[in-house]
C-alpha atoms as a PDB file:
ATOM      1  CA  MET A   1      -0.006   0.005   0.001  1.00  0.00           C
ATOM      2  CA  ASN A   2       1.463   3.371  -1.042  1.00  0.00           C
ATOM      3  CA  LYS A   3       1.394   6.528   1.062  1.00  0.00           C
ATOM      4  CA  GLU A   4      -1.707   7.988  -0.581  1.00  0.00           C
ATOM      5  CA  SER A   5      -3.713   4.775  -0.255  1.00  0.00           C
ATOM      6  CA  ALA A   6      -2.650   4.680   3.387  1.00  0.00           C
ATOM      7  CA  LEU A   7      -4.114   8.180   3.875  1.00  0.00           C
ATOM      8  CA  VAL A   8      -7.412   6.979   2.450  1.00  0.00           C
ATOM      9  CA  GLU A   9      -7.409   3.949   4.744  1.00  0.00           C
ATOM     10  CA  SER A  10      -6.648   6.134   7.779  1.00  0.00           C
ATOM     11  CA  PHE A  11      -9.636   8.297   6.852  1.00  0.00           C
ATOM     12  CA  VAL A  12     -11.899   5.264   6.494  1.00  0.00           C
ATOM     13  CA  THR A  13     -10.684   4.013   9.887  1.00  0.00           C
ATOM     14  CA  PHE A  14     -11.513   7.455  11.332  1.00  0.00           C
ATOM     15  CA  LEU A  15     -15.068   7.118   9.957  1.00  0.00           C
ATOM     16  CA  TRP A  16     -15.403   3.811  11.704  1.00  0.00           C
ATOM     17  CA  LEU A  17     -13.953   4.938  15.039  1.00  0.00           C
ATOM     18  CA  GLU A  18     -15.448   8.423  15.266  1.00  0.00           C
ATOM     19  CA  LYS A  19     -18.643   8.205  13.260  1.00  0.00           C
ATOM     20  CA  GLY A  20     -19.655   4.577  13.729  1.00  0.00           C
ATOM     21  CA  LEU A  21     -20.425   4.161  10.036  1.00  0.00           C
ATOM     22  CA  SER A  22     -21.362   0.747   8.701  1.00  0.00           C
ATOM     23  CA  LYS A  23     -19.013  -1.458   6.654  1.00  0.00           C
ATOM     24  CA  ASN A  24     -21.114  -0.757   3.553  1.00  0.00           C
ATOM     25  CA  THR A  25     -20.762   3.010   4.026  1.00  0.00           C
ATOM     26  CA  GLN A  26     -17.022   2.701   4.708  1.00  0.00           C
ATOM     27  CA  GLN A  27     -16.618   0.710   1.515  1.00  0.00           C
ATOM     28  CA  ALA A  28     -18.580   3.334  -0.452  1.00  0.00           C
ATOM     29  CA  TYR A  29     -16.140   6.032   0.761  1.00  0.00           C
ATOM     30  CA  ARG A  30     -13.170   3.791  -0.049  1.00  0.00           C
ATOM     31  CA  THR A  31     -14.436   3.171  -3.562  1.00  0.00           C
ATOM     32  CA  ASP A  32     -15.055   6.876  -4.266  1.00  0.00           C
ATOM     33  CA  LEU A  33     -11.655   7.919  -2.968  1.00  0.00           C
ATOM     34  CA  THR A  34      -9.777   5.128  -4.708  1.00  0.00           C
ATOM     35  CA  GLN A  35     -11.294   6.340  -7.965  1.00  0.00           C
ATOM     36  CA  PHE A  36     -10.012   9.855  -7.208  1.00  0.00           C
ATOM     37  CA  LEU A  37      -6.543   8.448  -6.462  1.00  0.00           C
ATOM     38  CA  SER A  38      -6.617   6.764  -9.881  1.00  0.00           C
ATOM     39  CA  PHE A  39      -7.472  10.100 -11.502  1.00  0.00           C
ATOM     40  CA  CYS A  40      -4.605  11.771  -9.632  1.00  0.00           C
ATOM     41  CA  GLN A  41      -2.223   9.090 -10.799  1.00  0.00           C
ATOM     42  CA  GLN A  42      -3.267   9.626 -14.419  1.00  0.00           C
ATOM     43  CA  LYS A  43      -2.707  13.382 -14.059  1.00  0.00           C
ATOM     44  CA  ASN A  44       0.526  13.041 -12.019  1.00  0.00           C
ATOM     45  CA  LEU A  45      -1.122  14.787  -9.090  1.00  0.00           C
ATOM     46  CA  ILE A  46      -0.175  14.336  -5.438  1.00  0.00           C
ATOM     47  CA  LEU A  47      -3.125  13.892  -3.061  1.00  0.00           C
ATOM     48  CA  LEU A  48      -1.815  16.417  -0.528  1.00  0.00           C
ATOM     49  CA  GLU A  49      -1.059  18.995  -3.213  1.00  0.00           C
ATOM     50  CA  VAL A  50      -4.368  18.943  -5.083  1.00  0.00           C
ATOM     51  CA  THR A  51      -5.898  22.335  -5.864  1.00  0.00           C
ATOM     52  CA  ALA A  52      -9.479  23.491  -6.393  1.00  0.00           C
ATOM     53  CA  LEU A  53      -8.802  23.556 -10.130  1.00  0.00           C
ATOM     54  CA  ASP A  54      -7.772  19.897  -9.969  1.00  0.00           C
ATOM     55  CA  VAL A  55     -11.004  19.004  -8.164  1.00  0.00           C
ATOM     56  CA  ARG A  56     -13.054  20.852 -10.814  1.00  0.00           C
ATOM     57  CA  ASP A  57     -11.121  18.974 -13.502  1.00  0.00           C
ATOM     58  CA  TYR A  58     -12.070  15.751 -11.760  1.00  0.00           C
ATOM     59  CA  LEU A  59     -15.763  16.716 -11.832  1.00  0.00           C
ATOM     60  CA  ASP A  60     -15.409  17.463 -15.560  1.00  0.00           C
ATOM     61  CA  TYR A  61     -13.763  14.067 -16.003  1.00  0.00           C
ATOM     62  CA  LEU A  62     -16.668  12.347 -14.239  1.00  0.00           C
ATOM     63  CA  LYS A  63     -19.178  14.182 -16.434  1.00  0.00           C
ATOM     64  CA  ALA A  64     -17.267  13.215 -19.577  1.00  0.00           C
ATOM     65  CA  SER A  65     -17.308   9.601 -18.319  1.00  0.00           C
ATOM     66  CA  ASN A  66     -21.120   9.712 -18.215  1.00  0.00           C
ATOM     67  CA  ILE A  67     -21.183   9.512 -14.419  1.00  0.00           C
ATOM     68  CA  SER A  68     -24.573  10.766 -13.236  1.00  0.00           C
ATOM     69  CA  ALA A  69     -24.797  14.133 -11.471  1.00  0.00           C
ATOM     70  CA  ARG A  70     -25.995  12.393  -8.314  1.00  0.00           C
ATOM     71  CA  SER A  71     -23.038  10.006  -8.260  1.00  0.00           C
ATOM     72  CA  ALA A  72     -20.611  12.859  -8.981  1.00  0.00           C
ATOM     73  CA  ALA A  73     -22.117  14.860  -6.109  1.00  0.00           C
ATOM     74  CA  ARG A  74     -21.643  11.888  -3.783  1.00  0.00           C
ATOM     75  CA  LYS A  75     -18.010  11.480  -4.888  1.00  0.00           C
ATOM     76  CA  LEU A  76     -17.370  15.184  -4.268  1.00  0.00           C
ATOM     77  CA  SER A  77     -18.950  14.819  -0.823  1.00  0.00           C
ATOM     78  CA  SER A  78     -16.518  11.965  -0.076  1.00  0.00           C
ATOM     79  CA  LEU A  79     -13.616  14.171  -1.163  1.00  0.00           C
ATOM     80  CA  LYS A  80     -14.802  17.067   1.004  1.00  0.00           C
ATOM     81  CA  LYS A  81     -15.030  14.850   4.055  1.00  0.00           C
ATOM     82  CA  MET A  82     -11.590  13.361   3.460  1.00  0.00           C
ATOM     83  CA  TYR A  83      -9.917  16.742   3.032  1.00  0.00           C
ATOM     84  CA  GLN A  84     -11.647  18.008   6.184  1.00  0.00           C
ATOM     85  CA  TYR A  85     -10.089  15.041   7.967  1.00  0.00           C
ATOM     86  CA  LEU A  86      -6.651  15.769   6.480  1.00  0.00           C
ATOM     87  CA  LEU A  87      -6.914  19.360   7.708  1.00  0.00           C
ATOM     88  CA  LEU A  88      -7.901  18.109  11.149  1.00  0.00           C
ATOM     89  CA  GLU A  89      -4.832  15.845  11.141  1.00  0.00           C
ATOM     90  CA  LYS A  90      -2.673  18.789   9.990  1.00  0.00           C
ATOM     91  CA  LYS A  91      -1.657  16.941   6.838  1.00  0.00           C
ATOM     92  CA  MET A  92      -2.738  19.993   4.841  1.00  0.00           C
ATOM     93  CA  GLU A  93      -3.211  23.717   5.397  1.00  0.00           C
ATOM     94  CA  VAL A  94      -5.785  24.423   2.680  1.00  0.00           C
ATOM     95  CA  ASP A  95      -8.880  22.419   1.755  1.00  0.00           C
ATOM     96  CA  PRO A  96      -9.012  22.310  -2.081  1.00  0.00           C
ATOM     97  CA  THR A  97     -12.700  21.363  -2.078  1.00  0.00           C
ATOM     98  CA  VAL A  98     -13.998  24.189   0.118  1.00  0.00           C
ATOM     99  CA  ASN A  99     -15.062  26.481  -2.745  1.00  0.00           C
ATOM    100  CA  VAL A 100     -15.971  23.753  -5.221  1.00  0.00           C
ATOM    101  CA  ASP A 101     -19.685  23.365  -5.859  1.00  0.00           C
ATOM    102  CA  GLY A 102     -21.160  20.046  -6.868  1.00  0.00           C
ATOM    103  CA  PRO A 103     -23.222  19.493 -10.007  1.00  0.00           C
ATOM    104  CA  LYS A 104     -26.820  20.650  -9.935  1.00  0.00           C
ATOM    105  CA  LEU A 105     -29.104  17.755  -9.182  1.00  0.00           C
ATOM    106  CA  PRO A 106     -32.479  17.288 -10.796  1.00  0.00           C
ATOM    107  CA  GLN A 107     -35.157  17.072  -8.145  1.00  0.00           C
ATOM    108  CA  THR A 108     -36.512  13.550  -8.293  1.00  0.00           C
ATOM    109  CA  LEU A 109     -39.358  12.534  -6.041  1.00  0.00           C
ATOM    110  CA  PRO A 110     -39.053   9.116  -4.369  1.00  0.00           C
ATOM    111  CA  LYS A 111     -41.171   6.350  -5.862  1.00  0.00           C
ATOM    112  CA  THR A 112     -44.002   5.425  -3.554  1.00  0.00           C
ATOM    113  CA  LEU A 113     -47.178   3.323  -3.421  1.00  0.00           C
ATOM    114  CA  THR A 114     -50.764   4.360  -2.948  1.00  0.00           C
ATOM    115  CA  GLU A 115     -52.448   3.322   0.288  1.00  0.00           C
ATOM    116  CA  GLN A 116     -54.503   0.831  -1.753  1.00  0.00           C
ATOM    117  CA  ASP A 117     -51.320  -0.696  -3.212  1.00  0.00           C
ATOM    118  CA  VAL A 118     -49.819  -1.004   0.259  1.00  0.00           C
ATOM    119  CA  GLU A 119     -52.955  -2.813   1.493  1.00  0.00           C
ATOM    120  CA  LEU A 120     -52.694  -5.259  -1.400  1.00  0.00           C
ATOM    121  CA  LEU A 121     -48.992  -5.875  -0.728  1.00  0.00           C
ATOM    122  CA  LEU A 122     -49.505  -6.430   2.988  1.00  0.00           C
ATOM    123  CA  GLU A 123     -52.287  -8.953   2.326  1.00  0.00           C
ATOM    124  CA  ALA A 124     -50.256 -10.921  -0.241  1.00  0.00           C
ATOM    125  CA  PRO A 125     -48.400 -13.314   2.164  1.00  0.00           C
ATOM    126  CA  ASP A 126     -50.242 -16.505   3.187  1.00  0.00           C
ATOM    127  CA  SER A 127     -50.093 -16.598   6.997  1.00  0.00           C
ATOM    128  CA  SER A 128     -50.721 -20.347   7.025  1.00  0.00           C
ATOM    129  CA  ILE A 129     -47.190 -20.838   5.631  1.00  0.00           C
ATOM    130  CA  THR A 130     -44.412 -20.348   8.179  1.00  0.00           C
ATOM    131  CA  ILE A 131     -42.060 -18.332   5.951  1.00  0.00           C
ATOM    132  CA  GLU A 132     -44.908 -16.144   4.737  1.00  0.00           C
ATOM    133  CA  LEU A 133     -46.102 -15.577   8.298  1.00  0.00           C
ATOM    134  CA  ARG A 134     -42.621 -14.161   8.933  1.00  0.00           C
ATOM    135  CA  ASP A 135     -42.791 -12.080   5.776  1.00  0.00           C
ATOM    136  CA  LYS A 136     -46.205 -10.734   6.753  1.00  0.00           C
ATOM    137  CA  ALA A 137     -44.754  -9.539  10.084  1.00  0.00           C
ATOM    138  CA  MET A 138     -41.761  -7.982   8.332  1.00  0.00           C
ATOM    139  CA  LEU A 139     -43.888  -6.126   5.781  1.00  0.00           C
ATOM    140  CA  GLU A 140     -46.290  -4.835   8.427  1.00  0.00           C
ATOM    141  CA  LEU A 141     -43.413  -3.670  10.605  1.00  0.00           C
ATOM    142  CA  LEU A 142     -41.650  -2.056   7.638  1.00  0.00           C
ATOM    143  CA  TYR A 143     -44.712  -0.024   6.686  1.00  0.00           C
ATOM    144  CA  ALA A 144     -45.632   0.787  10.306  1.00  0.00           C
ATOM    145  CA  THR A 145     -42.202   2.103  11.234  1.00  0.00           C
ATOM    146  CA  GLY A 146     -40.446   3.263   8.033  1.00  0.00           C
ATOM    147  CA  LEU A 147     -37.327   1.244   8.888  1.00  0.00           C
ATOM    148  CA  ARG A 148     -34.547   0.860   6.362  1.00  0.00           C
ATOM    149  CA  VAL A 149     -34.374  -2.709   5.050  1.00  0.00           C
ATOM    150  CA  THR A 150     -30.922  -3.118   6.663  1.00  0.00           C
ATOM    151  CA  GLU A 151     -32.359  -2.033  10.025  1.00  0.00           C
ATOM    152  CA  LEU A 152     -35.259  -4.469   9.633  1.00  0.00           C
ATOM    153  CA  VAL A 153     -33.299  -7.633   8.804  1.00  0.00           C
ATOM    154  CA  SER A 154     -30.765  -6.990  11.573  1.00  0.00           C
ATOM    155  CA  LEU A 155     -33.310  -6.468  14.360  1.00  0.00           C
ATOM    156  CA  SER A 156     -32.631  -8.548  17.441  1.00  0.00           C
ATOM    157  CA  MET A 157     -35.234  -9.848  19.868  1.00  0.00           C
ATOM    158  CA  GLU A 158     -34.189  -7.336  22.530  1.00  0.00           C
ATOM    159  CA  GLN A 159     -34.780  -4.398  20.213  1.00  0.00           C
ATOM    160  CA  VAL A 160     -38.519  -5.102  20.090  1.00  0.00           C
ATOM    161  CA  ASN A 161     -40.575  -4.228  23.190  1.00  0.00           C
ATOM    162  CA  LEU A 162     -43.972  -5.865  22.747  1.00  0.00           C
ATOM    163  CA  ASN A 163     -45.317  -4.457  26.025  1.00  0.00           C
ATOM    164  CA  MET A 164     -44.588  -0.861  25.044  1.00  0.00           C
ATOM    165  CA  GLY A 165     -45.223  -1.455  21.341  1.00  0.00           C
ATOM    166  CA  VAL A 166     -41.955   0.123  20.215  1.00  0.00           C
ATOM    167  CA  VAL A 167     -38.835  -0.853  18.282  1.00  0.00           C
ATOM    168  CA  ARG A 168     -35.393   0.404  19.307  1.00  0.00           C
ATOM    169  CA  VAL A 169     -33.537   0.979  16.071  1.00  0.00           C
ATOM    170  CA  VAL A 170     -29.794   1.430  15.595  1.00  0.00           C
ATOM    171  CA  GLY A 171     -29.549   3.487  12.411  1.00  0.00           C
ATOM    172  CA  LYS A 172     -26.902   5.306  10.416  1.00  0.00           C
ATOM    173  CA  GLY A 173     -24.032   6.703  12.464  1.00  0.00           C
ATOM    174  CA  ASN A 174     -24.896   4.209  15.221  1.00  0.00           C
ATOM    175  CA  LYS A 175     -27.729   6.503  16.312  1.00  0.00           C
ATOM    176  CA  GLU A 176     -30.587   4.984  18.269  1.00  0.00           C
ATOM    177  CA  ARG A 177     -34.250   5.922  17.966  1.00  0.00           C
ATOM    178  CA  LEU A 178     -37.494   4.516  19.367  1.00  0.00           C
ATOM    179  CA  VAL A 179     -40.259   3.970  16.831  1.00  0.00           C
ATOM    180  CA  PRO A 180     -43.852   2.948  17.686  1.00  0.00           C
ATOM    181  CA  MET A 181     -44.998  -0.031  15.666  1.00  0.00           C
ATOM    182  CA  GLY A 182     -48.809   0.214  15.880  1.00  0.00           C
ATOM    183  CA  GLU A 183     -51.357  -2.502  16.742  1.00  0.00           C
ATOM    184  CA  VAL A 184     -51.503  -4.261  13.363  1.00  0.00           C
ATOM    185  CA  ALA A 185     -47.729  -4.711  13.137  1.00  0.00           C
ATOM    186  CA  LEU A 186     -47.610  -5.722  16.800  1.00  0.00           C
ATOM    187  CA  ASP A 187     -50.276  -8.422  16.221  1.00  0.00           C
ATOM    188  CA  ALA A 188     -48.385  -9.707  13.161  1.00  0.00           C
ATOM    189  CA  ILE A 189     -45.113  -9.964  15.132  1.00  0.00           C
ATOM    190  CA  GLU A 190     -46.822 -11.702  18.026  1.00  0.00           C
ATOM    191  CA  ASN A 191     -48.399 -14.250  15.635  1.00  0.00           C
ATOM    192  CA  TYR A 192     -44.990 -14.883  14.069  1.00  0.00           C
ATOM    193  CA  LEU A 193     -43.334 -15.315  17.486  1.00  0.00           C
ATOM    194  CA  LYS A 194     -46.032 -17.699  18.698  1.00  0.00           C
ATOM    195  CA  VAL A 195     -46.174 -19.894  15.622  1.00  0.00           C
ATOM    196  CA  GLY A 196     -43.380 -19.317  13.117  1.00  0.00           C
ATOM    197  CA  ARG A 197     -40.138 -18.297  14.737  1.00  0.00           C
ATOM    198  CA  ASN A 198     -39.576 -21.484  16.774  1.00  0.00           C
ATOM    199  CA  LEU A 199     -39.830 -23.546  13.562  1.00  0.00           C
ATOM    200  CA  LEU A 200     -37.022 -21.469  12.045  1.00  0.00           C
ATOM    201  CA  ASN A 201     -34.809 -21.075  15.085  1.00  0.00           C
ATOM    202  CA  THR A 202     -32.395 -23.935  14.523  1.00  0.00           C
ATOM    203  CA  HIS A 203     -29.324 -22.089  15.762  1.00  0.00           C
ATOM    204  CA  ALA A 204     -30.761 -20.316  18.844  1.00  0.00           C
ATOM    205  CA  SER A 205     -30.171 -16.982  17.132  1.00  0.00           C
ATOM    206  CA  ASP A 206     -31.312 -13.720  18.745  1.00  0.00           C
ATOM    207  CA  ILE A 207     -32.237 -12.259  15.342  1.00  0.00           C
ATOM    208  CA  LEU A 208     -35.968 -11.458  15.238  1.00  0.00           C
ATOM    209  CA  PHE A 209     -36.705 -12.418  11.647  1.00  0.00           C
ATOM    210  CA  LEU A 210     -34.903 -15.645  10.770  1.00  0.00           C
ATOM    211  CA  SER A 211     -34.079 -17.222   7.431  1.00  0.00           C
ATOM    212  CA  LYS A 212     -34.892 -20.851   6.649  1.00  0.00           C
ATOM    213  CA  ARG A 213     -31.446 -21.685   8.028  1.00  0.00           C
ATOM    214  CA  GLY A 214     -32.205 -20.009  11.340  1.00  0.00           C
ATOM    215  CA  THR A 215     -29.857 -17.095  10.669  1.00  0.00           C
ATOM    216  CA  MET A 216     -30.185 -13.458   9.648  1.00  0.00           C
ATOM    217  CA  MET A 217     -31.433 -13.070   6.101  1.00  0.00           C
ATOM    218  CA  THR A 218     -29.762 -10.708   3.655  1.00  0.00           C
ATOM    219  CA  ARG A 219     -31.292  -7.469   2.405  1.00  0.00           C
ATOM    220  CA  GLN A 220     -31.252  -8.933  -1.101  1.00  0.00           C
ATOM    221  CA  THR A 221     -33.251 -11.992  -0.039  1.00  0.00           C
ATOM    222  CA  PHE A 222     -35.955  -9.918   1.610  1.00  0.00           C
ATOM    223  CA  TRP A 223     -36.082  -7.514  -1.309  1.00  0.00           C
ATOM    224  CA  HIS A 224     -36.542 -10.475  -3.667  1.00  0.00           C
ATOM    225  CA  ARG A 225     -39.492 -11.628  -1.568  1.00  0.00           C
ATOM    226  CA  ILE A 226     -41.083  -8.153  -1.624  1.00  0.00           C
ATOM    227  CA  LYS A 227     -40.988  -8.224  -5.418  1.00  0.00           C
ATOM    228  CA  GLU A 228     -42.633 -11.676  -5.440  1.00  0.00           C
ATOM    229  CA  TYR A 229     -45.464 -10.414  -3.247  1.00  0.00           C
ATOM    230  CA  ALA A 230     -45.867  -7.327  -5.449  1.00  0.00           C
ATOM    231  CA  ILE A 231     -46.348  -9.594  -8.484  1.00  0.00           C
ATOM    232  CA  ARG A 232     -48.803 -11.733  -6.533  1.00  0.00           C
ATOM    233  CA  ALA A 233     -50.754  -8.571  -5.514  1.00  0.00           C
ATOM    234  CA  GLY A 234     -50.840  -7.315  -9.093  1.00  0.00           C
ATOM    235  CA  ILE A 235     -48.900  -4.148  -8.267  1.00  0.00           C
ATOM    236  CA  SER A 236     -47.434  -2.603 -11.394  1.00  0.00           C
ATOM    237  CA  ALA A 237     -45.949   0.519  -9.732  1.00  0.00           C
ATOM    238  CA  PRO A 238     -42.126   0.583  -9.776  1.00  0.00           C
ATOM    239  CA  LEU A 239     -40.568  -0.647  -6.561  1.00  0.00           C
ATOM    240  CA  SER A 240     -37.269   0.009  -4.813  1.00  0.00           C
ATOM    241  CA  PRO A 241     -35.754  -1.321  -1.555  1.00  0.00           C
ATOM    242  CA  HIS A 242     -37.062   1.841   0.142  1.00  0.00           C
ATOM    243  CA  THR A 243     -40.580   1.678  -1.324  1.00  0.00           C
ATOM    244  CA  LEU A 244     -42.394   0.955   1.947  1.00  0.00           C
ATOM    245  CA  ARG A 245     -40.205   3.445   3.825  1.00  0.00           C
ATOM    246  CA  HIS A 246     -41.203   6.131   1.318  1.00  0.00           C
ATOM    247  CA  ALA A 247     -44.844   5.053   1.536  1.00  0.00           C
ATOM    248  CA  PHE A 248     -44.707   5.265   5.358  1.00  0.00           C
ATOM    249  CA  ALA A 249     -43.391   8.836   5.242  1.00  0.00           C
ATOM    250  CA  THR A 250     -45.588  10.017   2.377  1.00  0.00           C
ATOM    251  CA  HIS A 251     -48.777   8.662   3.891  1.00  0.00           C
ATOM    252  CA  LEU A 252     -47.965  10.266   7.253  1.00  0.00           C
ATOM    253  CA  VAL A 253     -47.461  13.643   5.611  1.00  0.00           C
ATOM    254  CA  ASN A 254     -50.610  13.186   3.513  1.00  0.00           C
ATOM    255  CA  HIS A 255     -52.561  12.689   6.726  1.00  0.00           C
ATOM    256  CA  GLY A 256     -51.137  15.804   8.356  1.00  0.00           C
ATOM    257  CA  ALA A 257     -48.150  14.530  10.366  1.00  0.00           C
ATOM    258  CA  ASP A 258     -45.651  17.169  11.480  1.00  0.00           C
ATOM    259  CA  LEU A 259     -42.497  17.042   9.389  1.00  0.00           C
ATOM    260  CA  ARG A 260     -40.203  16.988  12.417  1.00  0.00           C
ATOM    261  CA  VAL A 261     -42.037  13.963  13.787  1.00  0.00           C
ATOM    262  CA  VAL A 262     -41.544  12.185  10.459  1.00  0.00           C
ATOM    263  CA  GLN A 263     -37.859  13.213  10.561  1.00  0.00           C
ATOM    264  CA  SER A 264     -37.482  11.644  14.006  1.00  0.00           C
ATOM    265  CA  LEU A 265     -39.245   8.428  12.986  1.00  0.00           C
ATOM    266  CA  LEU A 266     -37.149   8.025   9.866  1.00  0.00           C
ATOM    267  CA  GLY A 267     -33.899   8.783  11.690  1.00  0.00           C
ATOM    268  CA  HIS A 268     -32.918  11.646   9.369  1.00  0.00           C
ATOM    269  CA  SER A 269     -30.215  13.883  10.842  1.00  0.00           C
ATOM    270  CA  ASP A 270     -31.229  16.819   8.637  1.00  0.00           C
ATOM    271  CA  LEU A 271     -34.792  18.086   8.180  1.00  0.00           C
ATOM    272  CA  SER A 272     -34.029  18.979   4.564  1.00  0.00           C
ATOM    273  CA  THR A 273     -33.796  15.248   3.795  1.00  0.00           C
ATOM    274  CA  THR A 274     -37.330  14.760   5.121  1.00  0.00           C
ATOM    275  CA  GLN A 275     -38.790  17.769   3.300  1.00  0.00           C
ATOM    276  CA  ILE A 276     -38.862  15.803   0.022  1.00  0.00           C
ATOM    277  CA  TYR A 277     -42.040  14.173   1.335  1.00  0.00           C
ATOM    278  CA  THR A 278     -43.899  17.489   1.350  1.00  0.00           C
ATOM    279  CA  HIS A 279     -43.131  17.677  -2.372  1.00  0.00           C
ATOM    280  CA  VAL A 280     -44.393  14.126  -2.822  1.00  0.00           C
ATOM    281  CA  ALA A 281     -47.624  15.024  -1.059  1.00  0.00           C
ATOM    282  CA  THR A 282     -48.027  18.187  -3.130  1.00  0.00           C
ATOM    283  CA  ALA A 283     -47.369  16.300  -6.354  1.00  0.00           C
ATOM    284  CA  ARG A 284     -50.004  13.724  -5.388  1.00  0.00           C
ATOM    285  CA  LEU A 285     -52.565  16.482  -4.708  1.00  0.00           C
ATOM    286  CA  GLN A 286     -51.831  18.081  -8.078  1.00  0.00           C
ATOM    287  CA  GLU A 287     -52.231  14.721  -9.788  1.00  0.00           C
ATOM    288  CA  MET A 288     -55.578  14.094  -8.078  1.00  0.00           C
ATOM    289  CA  HIS A 289     -56.767  17.630  -8.925  1.00  0.00           C
ATOM    290  CA  ALA A 290     -55.831  17.235 -12.589  1.00  0.00           C
ATOM    291  CA  LYS A 291     -57.562  13.858 -12.758  1.00  0.00           C
ATOM    292  CA  HIS A 292     -60.823  14.692 -11.004  1.00  0.00           C
ATOM    293  CA  HIS A 293     -61.488  18.429 -11.159  1.00  0.00           C
ATOM    294  CA  PRO A 294     -63.859  19.361 -14.029  1.00  0.00           C
ATOM    295  CA  ARG A 295     -61.832  22.446 -14.924  1.00  0.00           C
ATOM    296  CA  ALA A 296     -58.324  21.046 -14.400  1.00  0.00           C
END
């Protein structure tokens, strides 16, 4: 490992120690920064001597390489965080990214489901089948709480308080939040615990939702099952791993929930991240007006 790669690794280690970021997030930073190191090598640039002009050249290079504006913005964010770290460690005196603006991003609203679509999806699993009883509980909890899929599949038994009806979630940055789960999700979990979980628990695991092998399932496996239930329910709307999380937030806002409450439930550190759901709600109202108003 050369000196510059070692600097990147020291930064990634800092993220783990100081910020508590997940392995997936650490790897995303490592990938972005390794790509920048490759660019520097091609241009005979030294990481600690990079200028603002060099960073702008890198953004131009990404654009010419057909990298999307959103991906380029994320890569610039990774650079900014690394150079902030290098300043903190007194490896540099000037941050070359401080006055560099990222590409303008088109405002894209998150894909979501109607309340009717969600009902169809939640009713798709057959609760007489052990695995589908588990899936029913997972889907109900996902929609009731707005958890990220990673947070859902990694839930342990001790994180769910059935008496209080809340889930203690460890989210991004190792931040904890308490999220109420509601009566329907609570009933689905209790049914799963009474009937289904013991049949799957072959390894005495403390994971709440077990795979057929009695271990924690992967995000990809659960996502595959969501898509199967969507087909079964006849849902043609486009889906993503965050579909039910987006539906949770959008439907709360549609029914008048305070934006800061939604922010807290989702575990967003910045309110601006949550504000996208006000745009989703507005777009939905405009769509309904155009469809049903006689003079639209």
